[in-house]
PDB file of all heavy atoms in Angstrom:
ATOM      1  N   SER A   1     -12.550  10.669 -21.468  1.00  0.00           N
ATOM      2  CA  SER A   1     -12.039  11.126 -20.174  1.00  0.00           C
ATOM      3  C   SER A   1     -12.712  10.455 -18.980  1.00  0.00           C
ATOM      4  O   SER A   1     -12.147  10.415 -17.885  1.00  0.00           O
ATOM      5  CB  SER A   1     -12.210  12.647 -20.049  1.00  0.00           C
ATOM      6  OG  SER A   1     -13.570  13.010 -20.192  1.00  0.00           O
ATOM      7  N   TYR A   2     -13.931   9.934 -19.180  1.00  0.00           N
ATOM      8  CA  TYR A   2     -14.657   9.306 -18.077  1.00  0.00           C
ATOM      9  C   TYR A   2     -15.457   8.130 -18.601  1.00  0.00           C
ATOM     10  O   TYR A   2     -16.053   8.226 -19.678  1.00  0.00           O
ATOM     11  CB  TYR A   2     -15.599  10.315 -17.394  1.00  0.00           C
ATOM     12  CG  TYR A   2     -16.284   9.751 -16.175  1.00  0.00           C
ATOM     13  CD1 TYR A   2     -15.642   9.775 -14.931  1.00  0.00           C
ATOM     14  CD2 TYR A   2     -17.541   9.170 -16.267  1.00  0.00           C
ATOM     15  CE1 TYR A   2     -16.249   9.238 -13.811  1.00  0.00           C
ATOM     16  CE2 TYR A   2     -18.160   8.618 -15.156  1.00  0.00           C
ATOM     17  CZ  TYR A   2     -17.504   8.665 -13.932  1.00  0.00           C
ATOM     18  OH  TYR A   2     -18.108   8.126 -12.815  1.00  0.00           O
ATOM     19  N   PRO A   3     -15.492   7.002 -17.894  1.00  0.00           N
ATOM     20  CA  PRO A   3     -14.825   6.732 -16.622  1.00  0.00           C
ATOM     21  C   PRO A   3     -13.319   6.538 -16.799  1.00  0.00           C
ATOM     22  O   PRO A   3     -12.846   6.371 -17.930  1.00  0.00           O
ATOM     23  CB  PRO A   3     -15.498   5.445 -16.158  1.00  0.00           C
ATOM     24  CG  PRO A   3     -15.878   4.752 -17.425  1.00  0.00           C
ATOM     25  CD  PRO A   3     -16.276   5.845 -18.369  1.00  0.00           C
ATOM     26  N   PRO A   4     -12.571   6.545 -15.679  1.00  0.00           N
ATOM     27  CA  PRO A   4     -11.124   6.325 -15.776  1.00  0.00           C
ATOM     28  C   PRO A   4     -10.819   4.956 -16.375  1.00  0.00           C
ATOM     29  O   PRO A   4     -11.689   4.086 -16.472  1.00  0.00           O
ATOM     30  CB  PRO A   4     -10.668   6.400 -14.307  1.00  0.00           C
ATOM     31  CG  PRO A   4     -11.743   7.175 -13.609  1.00  0.00           C
ATOM     32  CD  PRO A   4     -13.025   6.807 -14.304  1.00  0.00           C
ATOM     33  N   SER A   5      -9.577   4.768 -16.767  1.00  0.00           N
ATOM     34  CA  SER A   5      -9.167   3.516 -17.410  1.00  0.00           C
ATOM     35  C   SER A   5      -9.505   2.314 -16.529  1.00  0.00           C
ATOM     36  O   SER A   5      -9.263   2.318 -15.318  1.00  0.00           O
ATOM     37  CB  SER A   5      -7.667   3.537 -17.692  1.00  0.00           C
ATOM     38  OG  SER A   5      -7.355   4.557 -18.617  1.00  0.00           O
ATOM     39  N   HIS A   6     -10.074   1.287 -17.158  1.00  0.00           N
ATOM     40  CA  HIS A   6     -10.486   0.098 -16.422  1.00  0.00           C
ATOM     41  C   HIS A   6     -10.329  -1.125 -17.314  1.00  0.00           C
ATOM     42  O   HIS A   6     -10.259  -1.027 -18.543  1.00  0.00           O
ATOM     43  CB  HIS A   6     -11.943   0.228 -15.965  1.00  0.00           C
ATOM     44  CG  HIS A   6     -12.897   0.463 -17.099  1.00  0.00           C
ATOM     45  ND1 HIS A   6     -13.106   1.711 -17.641  1.00  0.00           N
ATOM     46  CD2 HIS A   6     -13.679  -0.397 -17.820  1.00  0.00           C
ATOM     47  CE1 HIS A   6     -13.985   1.634 -18.635  1.00  0.00           C
ATOM     48  NE2 HIS A   6     -14.339   0.363 -18.765  1.00  0.00           N
ATOM     49  N   CYS A   7     -10.275  -2.283 -16.683  1.00  0.00           N
ATOM     50  CA  CYS A   7     -10.165  -3.539 -17.425  1.00  0.00           C
ATOM     51  C   CYS A   7     -11.485  -3.818 -18.130  1.00  0.00           C
ATOM     52  O   CYS A   7     -12.554  -3.766 -17.512  1.00  0.00           O
ATOM     53  CB  CYS A   7      -9.812  -4.678 -16.464  1.00  0.00           C
ATOM     54  SG  CYS A   7      -9.813  -6.316 -17.250  1.00  0.00           S
ATOM     55  N   THR A   8     -11.425  -4.127 -19.400  1.00  0.00           N
ATOM     56  CA  THR A   8     -12.643  -4.417 -20.153  1.00  0.00           C
ATOM     57  C   THR A   8     -13.215  -5.786 -19.793  1.00  0.00           C
ATOM     58  O   THR A   8     -14.361  -6.084 -20.118  1.00  0.00           O
ATOM     59  CB  THR A   8     -12.362  -4.377 -21.665  1.00  0.00           C
ATOM     60  OG1 THR A   8     -11.289  -5.287 -21.967  1.00  0.00           O
ATOM     61  CG2 THR A   8     -11.958  -2.973 -22.096  1.00  0.00           C
ATOM     62  N   GLY A   9     -12.414  -6.609 -19.102  1.00  0.00           N
ATOM     63  CA  GLY A   9     -12.878  -7.928 -18.701  1.00  0.00           C
ATOM     64  C   GLY A   9     -13.636  -7.912 -17.387  1.00  0.00           C
ATOM     65  O   GLY A   9     -14.803  -8.299 -17.320  1.00  0.00           O
ATOM     66  N   CYS A  10     -12.970  -7.443 -16.331  1.00  0.00           N
ATOM     67  CA  CYS A  10     -13.581  -7.461 -14.997  1.00  0.00           C
ATOM     68  C   CYS A  10     -14.116  -6.100 -14.560  1.00  0.00           C
ATOM     69  O   CYS A  10     -14.813  -5.998 -13.555  1.00  0.00           O
ATOM     70  CB  CYS A  10     -12.583  -7.973 -13.964  1.00  0.00           C
ATOM     71  SG  CYS A  10     -11.116  -6.930 -13.763  1.00  0.00           S
ATOM     72  N   GLY A  11     -13.762  -5.034 -15.304  1.00  0.00           N
ATOM     73  CA  GLY A  11     -14.259  -3.704 -14.969  1.00  0.00           C
ATOM     74  C   GLY A  11     -13.502  -3.009 -13.861  1.00  0.00           C
ATOM     75  O   GLY A  11     -13.850  -1.882 -13.472  1.00  0.00           O
ATOM     76  N   THR A  12     -12.457  -3.623 -13.330  1.00  0.00           N
ATOM     77  CA  THR A  12     -11.683  -3.032 -12.243  1.00  0.00           C
ATOM     78  C   THR A  12     -10.917  -1.806 -12.730  1.00  0.00           C
ATOM     79  O   THR A  12     -10.304  -1.838 -13.793  1.00  0.00           O
ATOM     80  CB  THR A  12     -10.680  -4.055 -11.673  1.00  0.00           C
ATOM     81  OG1 THR A  12     -11.395  -5.202 -11.213  1.00  0.00           O
ATOM     82  CG2 THR A  12      -9.882  -3.453 -10.523  1.00  0.00           C
ATOM     83  N   ARG A  13     -10.992  -0.742 -11.935  1.00  0.00           N
ATOM     84  CA  ARG A  13     -10.253   0.476 -12.294  1.00  0.00           C
ATOM     85  C   ARG A  13      -8.761   0.206 -12.217  1.00  0.00           C
ATOM     86  O   ARG A  13      -8.257  -0.369 -11.250  1.00  0.00           O
ATOM     87  CB  ARG A  13     -10.632   1.620 -11.351  1.00  0.00           C
ATOM     88  CG  ARG A  13      -9.910   2.921 -11.662  1.00  0.00           C
ATOM     89  CD  ARG A  13     -10.430   4.050 -10.804  1.00  0.00           C
ATOM     90  NE  ARG A  13      -9.657   5.269 -11.018  1.00  0.00           N
ATOM     91  CZ  ARG A  13      -9.942   6.443 -10.439  1.00  0.00           C
ATOM     92  NH1 ARG A  13     -10.981   6.532  -9.614  1.00  0.00           N
ATOM     93  NH2 ARG A  13      -9.194   7.496 -10.688  1.00  0.00           N
ATOM     94  N   ILE A  14      -8.038   0.631 -13.253  1.00  0.00           N
ATOM     95  CA  ILE A  14      -6.600   0.387 -13.320  1.00  0.00           C
ATOM     96  C   ILE A  14      -5.872   1.423 -12.481  1.00  0.00           C
ATOM     97  O   ILE A  14      -6.103   2.623 -12.609  1.00  0.00           O
ATOM     98  CB  ILE A  14      -6.110   0.431 -14.780  1.00  0.00           C
ATOM     99  CG1 ILE A  14      -6.857  -0.613 -15.615  1.00  0.00           C
ATOM    100  CG2 ILE A  14      -4.610   0.175 -14.851  1.00  0.00           C
ATOM    101  CD1 ILE A  14      -6.523  -0.574 -17.090  1.00  0.00           C
ATOM    102  N   LYS A  15      -5.005   0.955 -11.612  1.00  0.00           N
ATOM    103  CA  LYS A  15      -4.248   1.842 -10.732  1.00  0.00           C
ATOM    104  C   LYS A  15      -3.233   2.659 -11.544  1.00  0.00           C
ATOM    105  O   LYS A  15      -2.734   2.204 -12.576  1.00  0.00           O
ATOM    106  CB  LYS A  15      -3.508   1.028  -9.673  1.00  0.00           C
ATOM    107  CG  LYS A  15      -4.415   0.147  -8.817  1.00  0.00           C
ATOM    108  CD  LYS A  15      -5.399   0.972  -8.012  1.00  0.00           C
ATOM    109  CE  LYS A  15      -6.264   0.069  -7.124  1.00  0.00           C
ATOM    110  NZ  LYS A  15      -7.280   0.851  -6.372  1.00  0.00           N
ATOM    111  N   PRO A  16      -2.912   3.856 -11.055  1.00  0.00           N
ATOM    112  CA  PRO A  16      -1.957   4.714 -11.787  1.00  0.00           C
ATOM    113  C   PRO A  16      -0.623   4.032 -12.071  1.00  0.00           C
ATOM    114  O   PRO A  16      -0.034   4.244 -13.137  1.00  0.00           O
ATOM    115  CB  PRO A  16      -1.785   5.911 -10.839  1.00  0.00           C
ATOM    116  CG  PRO A  16      -3.075   5.976 -10.082  1.00  0.00           C
ATOM    117  CD  PRO A  16      -3.490   4.547  -9.890  1.00  0.00           C
ATOM    118  N   TYR A  17      -0.142   3.207 -11.133  1.00  0.00           N
ATOM    119  CA  TYR A  17       1.154   2.558 -11.361  1.00  0.00           C
ATOM    120  C   TYR A  17       1.078   1.453 -12.407  1.00  0.00           C
ATOM    121  O   TYR A  17       2.100   0.913 -12.830  1.00  0.00           O
ATOM    122  CB  TYR A  17       1.728   2.011 -10.044  1.00  0.00           C
ATOM    123  CG  TYR A  17       0.784   1.169  -9.223  1.00  0.00           C
ATOM    124  CD1 TYR A  17       0.501  -0.157  -9.575  1.00  0.00           C
ATOM    125  CD2 TYR A  17       0.175   1.697  -8.088  1.00  0.00           C
ATOM    126  CE1 TYR A  17      -0.362  -0.929  -8.824  1.00  0.00           C
ATOM    127  CE2 TYR A  17      -0.703   0.939  -7.325  1.00  0.00           C
ATOM    128  CZ  TYR A  17      -0.966  -0.376  -7.698  1.00  0.00           C
ATOM    129  OH  TYR A  17      -1.835  -1.131  -6.936  1.00  0.00           O
ATOM    130  N   ASP A  18      -0.130   1.085 -12.810  1.00  0.00           N
ATOM    131  CA  ASP A  18      -0.289   0.108 -13.892  1.00  0.00           C
ATOM    132  C   ASP A  18      -0.603   0.778 -15.223  1.00  0.00           C
ATOM    133  O   ASP A  18      -0.956   0.106 -16.195  1.00  0.00           O
ATOM    134  CB  ASP A  18      -1.409  -0.883 -13.551  1.00  0.00           C
ATOM    135  CG  ASP A  18      -0.982  -1.907 -12.515  1.00  0.00           C
ATOM    136  OD1 ASP A  18       0.229  -2.156 -12.404  1.00  0.00           O
ATOM    137  OD2 ASP A  18      -1.865  -2.456 -11.818  1.00  0.00           O
ATOM    138  N   LEU A  19      -0.496   2.100 -15.258  1.00  0.00           N
ATOM    139  CA  LEU A  19      -0.790   2.844 -16.476  1.00  0.00           C
ATOM    140  C   LEU A  19       0.469   3.411 -17.130  1.00  0.00           C
ATOM    141  O   LEU A  19       0.375   4.222 -18.043  1.00  0.00           O
ATOM    142  CB  LEU A  19      -1.768   3.990 -16.172  1.00  0.00           C
ATOM    143  CG  LEU A  19      -3.210   3.574 -15.855  1.00  0.00           C
ATOM    144  CD1 LEU A  19      -4.031   4.777 -15.410  1.00  0.00           C
ATOM    145  CD2 LEU A  19      -3.863   2.918 -17.060  1.00  0.00           C
ATOM    146  N   LEU A  20       1.623   2.992 -16.654  1.00  0.00           N
ATOM    147  CA  LEU A  20       2.866   3.464 -17.253  1.00  0.00           C
ATOM    148  C   LEU A  20       2.989   2.896 -18.667  1.00  0.00           C
ATOM    149  O   LEU A  20       2.924   1.671 -18.845  1.00  0.00           O
ATOM    150  CB  LEU A  20       4.073   3.043 -16.412  1.00  0.00           C
ATOM    151  CG  LEU A  20       4.162   3.636 -15.006  1.00  0.00           C
ATOM    152  CD1 LEU A  20       5.322   3.008 -14.247  1.00  0.00           C
ATOM    153  CD2 LEU A  20       4.319   5.143 -15.078  1.00  0.00           C
ATOM    154  N   PRO A  21       3.141   3.749 -19.670  1.00  0.00           N
ATOM    155  CA  PRO A  21       3.218   3.245 -21.049  1.00  0.00           C
ATOM    156  C   PRO A  21       4.328   2.213 -21.213  1.00  0.00           C
ATOM    157  O   PRO A  21       5.439   2.395 -20.719  1.00  0.00           O
ATOM    158  CB  PRO A  21       3.514   4.513 -21.866  1.00  0.00           C
ATOM    159  CG  PRO A  21       3.005   5.627 -21.026  1.00  0.00           C
ATOM    160  CD  PRO A  21       3.248   5.213 -19.602  1.00  0.00           C
ATOM    161  N   VAL A  22       4.045   1.142 -21.884  1.00  0.00           N
ATOM    162  CA  VAL A  22       4.961   0.054 -22.231  1.00  0.00           C
ATOM    163  C   VAL A  22       5.451  -0.706 -20.991  1.00  0.00           C
ATOM    164  O   VAL A  22       5.316  -1.932 -20.902  1.00  0.00           O
ATOM    165  CB  VAL A  22       6.184   0.560 -23.037  1.00  0.00           C
ATOM    166  CG1 VAL A  22       7.114  -0.607 -23.394  1.00  0.00           C
ATOM    167  CG2 VAL A  22       5.718   1.281 -24.301  1.00  0.00           C
ATOM    168  N   PHE A  23       5.981   0.009 -20.001  1.00  0.00           N
ATOM    169  CA  PHE A  23       6.591  -0.640 -18.844  1.00  0.00           C
ATOM    170  C   PHE A  23       5.569  -1.444 -18.047  1.00  0.00           C
ATOM    171  O   PHE A  23       5.872  -2.549 -17.587  1.00  0.00           O
ATOM    172  CB  PHE A  23       7.278   0.392 -17.950  1.00  0.00           C
ATOM    173  CG  PHE A  23       8.415   1.104 -18.617  1.00  0.00           C
ATOM    174  CD1 PHE A  23       8.271   2.394 -19.088  1.00  0.00           C
ATOM    175  CD2 PHE A  23       9.635   0.460 -18.806  1.00  0.00           C
ATOM    176  CE1 PHE A  23       9.314   3.048 -19.720  1.00  0.00           C
ATOM    177  CE2 PHE A  23      10.690   1.099 -19.434  1.00  0.00           C
ATOM    178  CZ  PHE A  23      10.523   2.393 -19.899  1.00  0.00           C
ATOM    179  N   SER A  24       4.372  -0.889 -17.870  1.00  0.00           N
ATOM    180  CA  SER A  24       3.341  -1.620 -17.130  1.00  0.00           C
ATOM    181  C   SER A  24       2.968  -2.906 -17.854  1.00  0.00           C
ATOM    182  O   SER A  24       2.740  -3.945 -17.219  1.00  0.00           O
ATOM    183  CB  SER A  24       2.100  -0.742 -16.936  1.00  0.00           C
ATOM    184  OG  SER A  24       2.366   0.310 -16.033  1.00  0.00           O
ATOM    185  N   TYR A  25       2.909  -2.844 -19.177  1.00  0.00           N
ATOM    186  CA  TYR A  25       2.587  -4.048 -19.957  1.00  0.00           C
ATOM    187  C   TYR A  25       3.643  -5.130 -19.713  1.00  0.00           C
ATOM    188  O   TYR A  25       3.310  -6.307 -19.538  1.00  0.00           O
ATOM    189  CB  TYR A  25       2.511  -3.704 -21.437  1.00  0.00           C
ATOM    190  CG  TYR A  25       2.143  -4.875 -22.315  1.00  0.00           C
ATOM    191  CD1 TYR A  25       0.808  -5.164 -22.582  1.00  0.00           C
ATOM    192  CD2 TYR A  25       3.126  -5.692 -22.872  1.00  0.00           C
ATOM    193  CE1 TYR A  25       0.453  -6.246 -23.386  1.00  0.00           C
ATOM    194  CE2 TYR A  25       2.780  -6.777 -23.669  1.00  0.00           C
ATOM    195  CZ  TYR A  25       1.447  -7.039 -23.928  1.00  0.00           C
ATOM    196  OH  TYR A  25       1.113  -8.118 -24.712  1.00  0.00           O
ATOM    197  N   ILE A  26       4.897  -4.721 -19.695  1.00  0.00           N
ATOM    198  CA  ILE A  26       5.989  -5.678 -19.476  1.00  0.00           C
ATOM    199  C   ILE A  26       5.931  -6.238 -18.060  1.00  0.00           C
ATOM    200  O   ILE A  26       6.037  -7.461 -17.851  1.00  0.00           O
ATOM    201  CB  ILE A  26       7.353  -5.001 -19.737  1.00  0.00           C
ATOM    202  CG1 ILE A  26       7.460  -4.583 -21.202  1.00  0.00           C
ATOM    203  CG2 ILE A  26       8.499  -5.943 -19.362  1.00  0.00           C
ATOM    204  CD1 ILE A  26       8.698  -3.762 -21.516  1.00  0.00           C
ATOM    205  N   LEU A  27       5.743  -5.364 -17.066  1.00  0.00           N
ATOM    206  CA  LEU A  27       5.720  -5.809 -15.669  1.00  0.00           C
ATOM    207  C   LEU A  27       4.529  -6.716 -15.377  1.00  0.00           C
ATOM    208  O   LEU A  27       4.629  -7.654 -14.583  1.00  0.00           O
ATOM    209  CB  LEU A  27       5.693  -4.586 -14.740  1.00  0.00           C
ATOM    210  CG  LEU A  27       6.951  -3.709 -14.759  1.00  0.00           C
ATOM    211  CD1 LEU A  27       6.751  -2.466 -13.898  1.00  0.00           C
ATOM    212  CD2 LEU A  27       8.157  -4.503 -14.252  1.00  0.00           C
ATOM    213  N   LEU A  28       3.403  -6.442 -16.032  1.00  0.00           N
ATOM    214  CA  LEU A  28       2.207  -7.254 -15.820  1.00  0.00           C
ATOM    215  C   LEU A  28       2.180  -8.492 -16.721  1.00  0.00           C
ATOM    216  O   LEU A  28       1.233  -9.270 -16.671  1.00  0.00           O
ATOM    217  CB  LEU A  28       0.948  -6.416 -16.082  1.00  0.00           C
ATOM    218  CG  LEU A  28       0.670  -5.277 -15.094  1.00  0.00           C
ATOM    219  CD1 LEU A  28      -0.466  -4.393 -15.596  1.00  0.00           C
ATOM    220  CD2 LEU A  28       0.335  -5.852 -13.727  1.00  0.00           C
ATOM    221  N   LYS A  29       3.212  -8.617 -17.556  1.00  0.00           N
ATOM    222  CA  LYS A  29       3.315  -9.734 -18.499  1.00  0.00           C
ATOM    223  C   LYS A  29       2.092  -9.815 -19.418  1.00  0.00           C
ATOM    224  O   LYS A  29       1.632 -10.896 -19.780  1.00  0.00           O
ATOM    225  CB  LYS A  29       3.497 -11.052 -17.740  1.00  0.00           C
ATOM    226  CG  LYS A  29       4.783 -11.091 -16.921  1.00  0.00           C
ATOM    227  CD  LYS A  29       4.927 -12.405 -16.178  1.00  0.00           C
ATOM    228  CE  LYS A  29       6.219 -12.416 -15.359  1.00  0.00           C
ATOM    229  NZ  LYS A  29       6.375 -13.691 -14.603  1.00  0.00           N
ATOM    230  N   GLY A  30       1.576  -8.622 -19.765  1.00  0.00           N
ATOM    231  CA  GLY A  30       0.475  -8.560 -20.716  1.00  0.00           C
ATOM    232  C   GLY A  30      -0.848  -9.060 -20.192  1.00  0.00           C
ATOM    233  O   GLY A  30      -1.708  -9.464 -20.986  1.00  0.00           O
ATOM    234  N   LYS A  31      -1.048  -9.012 -18.856  1.00  0.00           N
ATOM    235  CA  LYS A  31      -2.299  -9.494 -18.269  1.00  0.00           C
ATOM    236  C   LYS A  31      -2.823  -8.502 -17.235  1.00  0.00           C
ATOM    237  O   LYS A  31      -2.048  -7.782 -16.607  1.00  0.00           O
ATOM    238  CB  LYS A  31      -2.089 -10.859 -17.620  1.00  0.00           C
ATOM    239  CG  LYS A  31      -1.690 -11.962 -18.586  1.00  0.00           C
ATOM    240  CD  LYS A  31      -1.511 -13.285 -17.870  1.00  0.00           C
ATOM    241  CE  LYS A  31      -1.111 -14.385 -18.848  1.00  0.00           C
ATOM    242  NZ  LYS A  31      -0.914 -15.689 -18.153  1.00  0.00           N
ATOM    243  N   CYS A  32      -4.134  -8.488 -17.047  1.00  0.00           N
ATOM    244  CA  CYS A  32      -4.758  -7.650 -16.031  1.00  0.00           C
ATOM    245  C   CYS A  32      -4.332  -8.128 -14.640  1.00  0.00           C
ATOM    246  O   CYS A  32      -4.346  -9.332 -14.359  1.00  0.00           O
ATOM    247  CB  CYS A  32      -6.281  -7.697 -16.168  1.00  0.00           C
ATOM    248  SG  CYS A  32      -7.183  -6.903 -14.817  1.00  0.00           S
ATOM    249  N   ARG A  33      -3.973  -7.203 -13.767  1.00  0.00           N
ATOM    250  CA  ARG A  33      -3.541  -7.565 -12.417  1.00  0.00           C
ATOM    251  C   ARG A  33      -4.678  -8.225 -11.628  1.00  0.00           C
ATOM    252  O   ARG A  33      -4.442  -9.093 -10.774  1.00  0.00           O
ATOM    253  CB  ARG A  33      -3.053  -6.318 -11.672  1.00  0.00           C
ATOM    254  CG  ARG A  33      -2.454  -6.598 -10.303  1.00  0.00           C
ATOM    255  CD  ARG A  33      -2.087  -5.296  -9.608  1.00  0.00           C
ATOM    256  NE  ARG A  33      -1.008  -4.606 -10.279  1.00  0.00           N
ATOM    257  CZ  ARG A  33       0.281  -4.853 -10.071  1.00  0.00           C
ATOM    258  NH1 ARG A  33       0.644  -5.799  -9.202  1.00  0.00           N
ATOM    259  NH2 ARG A  33       1.207  -4.163 -10.712  1.00  0.00           N
ATOM    260  N   SER A  34      -5.916  -7.821 -11.908  1.00  0.00           N
ATOM    261  CA  SER A  34      -7.053  -8.304 -11.113  1.00  0.00           C
ATOM    262  C   SER A  34      -7.599  -9.644 -11.585  1.00  0.00           C
ATOM    263  O   SER A  34      -7.787 -10.567 -10.791  1.00  0.00           O
ATOM    264  CB  SER A  34      -8.178  -7.267 -11.120  1.00  0.00           C
ATOM    265  OG  SER A  34      -7.743  -6.042 -10.554  1.00  0.00           O
ATOM    266  N   CYS A  35      -7.867  -9.755 -12.889  1.00  0.00           N
ATOM    267  CA  CYS A  35      -8.531 -10.964 -13.379  1.00  0.00           C
ATOM    268  C   CYS A  35      -7.650 -11.838 -14.271  1.00  0.00           C
ATOM    269  O   CYS A  35      -8.024 -12.959 -14.614  1.00  0.00           O
ATOM    270  CB  CYS A  35      -9.806 -10.592 -14.136  1.00  0.00           C
ATOM    271  SG  CYS A  35      -9.508  -9.695 -15.693  1.00  0.00           S
ATOM    272  N   GLY A  36      -6.496 -11.316 -14.663  1.00  0.00           N
ATOM    273  CA  GLY A  36      -5.592 -12.106 -15.483  1.00  0.00           C
ATOM    274  C   GLY A  36      -5.931 -12.139 -16.955  1.00  0.00           C
ATOM    275  O   GLY A  36      -5.297 -12.865 -17.724  1.00  0.00           O
ATOM    276  N   GLU A  37      -6.925 -11.329 -17.376  1.00  0.00           N
ATOM    277  CA  GLU A  37      -7.277 -11.303 -18.798  1.00  0.00           C
ATOM    278  C   GLU A  37      -6.126 -10.716 -19.619  1.00  0.00           C
ATOM    279  O   GLU A  37      -5.474  -9.758 -19.203  1.00  0.00           O
ATOM    280  CB  GLU A  37      -8.546 -10.489 -19.024  1.00  0.00           C
ATOM    281  CG  GLU A  37      -8.939 -10.416 -20.482  1.00  0.00           C
ATOM    282  CD  GLU A  37     -10.347  -9.873 -20.688  1.00  0.00           C
ATOM    283  OE1 GLU A  37     -11.223 -10.189 -19.889  1.00  0.00           O
ATOM    284  OE2 GLU A  37     -10.538  -9.122 -21.663  1.00  0.00           O
ATOM    285  N   LYS A  38      -5.918 -11.289 -20.790  1.00  0.00           N
ATOM    286  CA  LYS A  38      -4.806 -10.865 -21.631  1.00  0.00           C
ATOM    287  C   LYS A  38      -5.018  -9.448 -22.152  1.00  0.00           C
ATOM    288  O   LYS A  38      -6.118  -9.086 -22.576  1.00  0.00           O
ATOM    289  CB  LYS A  38      -4.652 -11.827 -22.800  1.00  0.00           C
ATOM    290  CG  LYS A  38      -3.416 -11.583 -23.644  1.00  0.00           C
ATOM    291  CD  LYS A  38      -3.274 -12.635 -24.728  1.00  0.00           C
ATOM    292  CE  LYS A  38      -2.039 -12.390 -25.579  1.00  0.00           C
ATOM    293  NZ  LYS A  38      -1.889 -13.411 -26.658  1.00  0.00           N
ATOM    294  N   ILE A  39      -3.977  -8.652 -22.094  1.00  0.00           N
ATOM    295  CA  ILE A  39      -4.002  -7.288 -22.619  1.00  0.00           C
ATOM    296  C   ILE A  39      -3.414  -7.317 -24.023  1.00  0.00           C
ATOM    297  O   ILE A  39      -2.352  -7.905 -24.253  1.00  0.00           O
ATOM    298  CB  ILE A  39      -3.186  -6.330 -21.727  1.00  0.00           C
ATOM    299  CG1 ILE A  39      -3.725  -6.337 -20.298  1.00  0.00           C
ATOM    300  CG2 ILE A  39      -3.199  -4.917 -22.289  1.00  0.00           C
ATOM    301  CD1 ILE A  39      -2.858  -5.589 -19.307  1.00  0.00           C
ATOM    302  N   SER A  40      -4.097  -6.692 -24.964  1.00  0.00           N
ATOM    303  CA  SER A  40      -3.655  -6.723 -26.356  1.00  0.00           C
ATOM    304  C   SER A  40      -2.278  -6.071 -26.505  1.00  0.00           C
ATOM    305  O   SER A  40      -1.980  -5.036 -25.887  1.00  0.00           O
ATOM    306  CB  SER A  40      -4.669  -5.989 -27.233  1.00  0.00           C
ATOM    307  OG  SER A  40      -4.181  -5.872 -28.555  1.00  0.00           O
ATOM    308  N   LEU A  41      -1.448  -6.707 -27.321  1.00  0.00           N
ATOM    309  CA  LEU A  41      -0.120  -6.163 -27.623  1.00  0.00           C
ATOM    310  C   LEU A  41      -0.232  -4.841 -28.381  1.00  0.00           C
ATOM    311  O   LEU A  41       0.734  -4.069 -28.449  1.00  0.00           O
ATOM    312  CB  LEU A  41       0.674  -7.182 -28.446  1.00  0.00           C
ATOM    313  CG  LEU A  41       2.126  -6.858 -28.773  1.00  0.00           C
ATOM    314  CD1 LEU A  41       2.959  -6.714 -27.509  1.00  0.00           C
ATOM    315  CD2 LEU A  41       2.719  -7.949 -29.683  1.00  0.00           C
TER     316      LEU A  41
END
């Protein structure tokens, strides 16, 4: 439950609109919005 969801690469806290199941992955093209690190499928 803590800390809130964050990128394991850059540590940036993930915004609520990037936490939508499946859809956020598609919109972000499988990459972190902040650092561009690939998000596992």
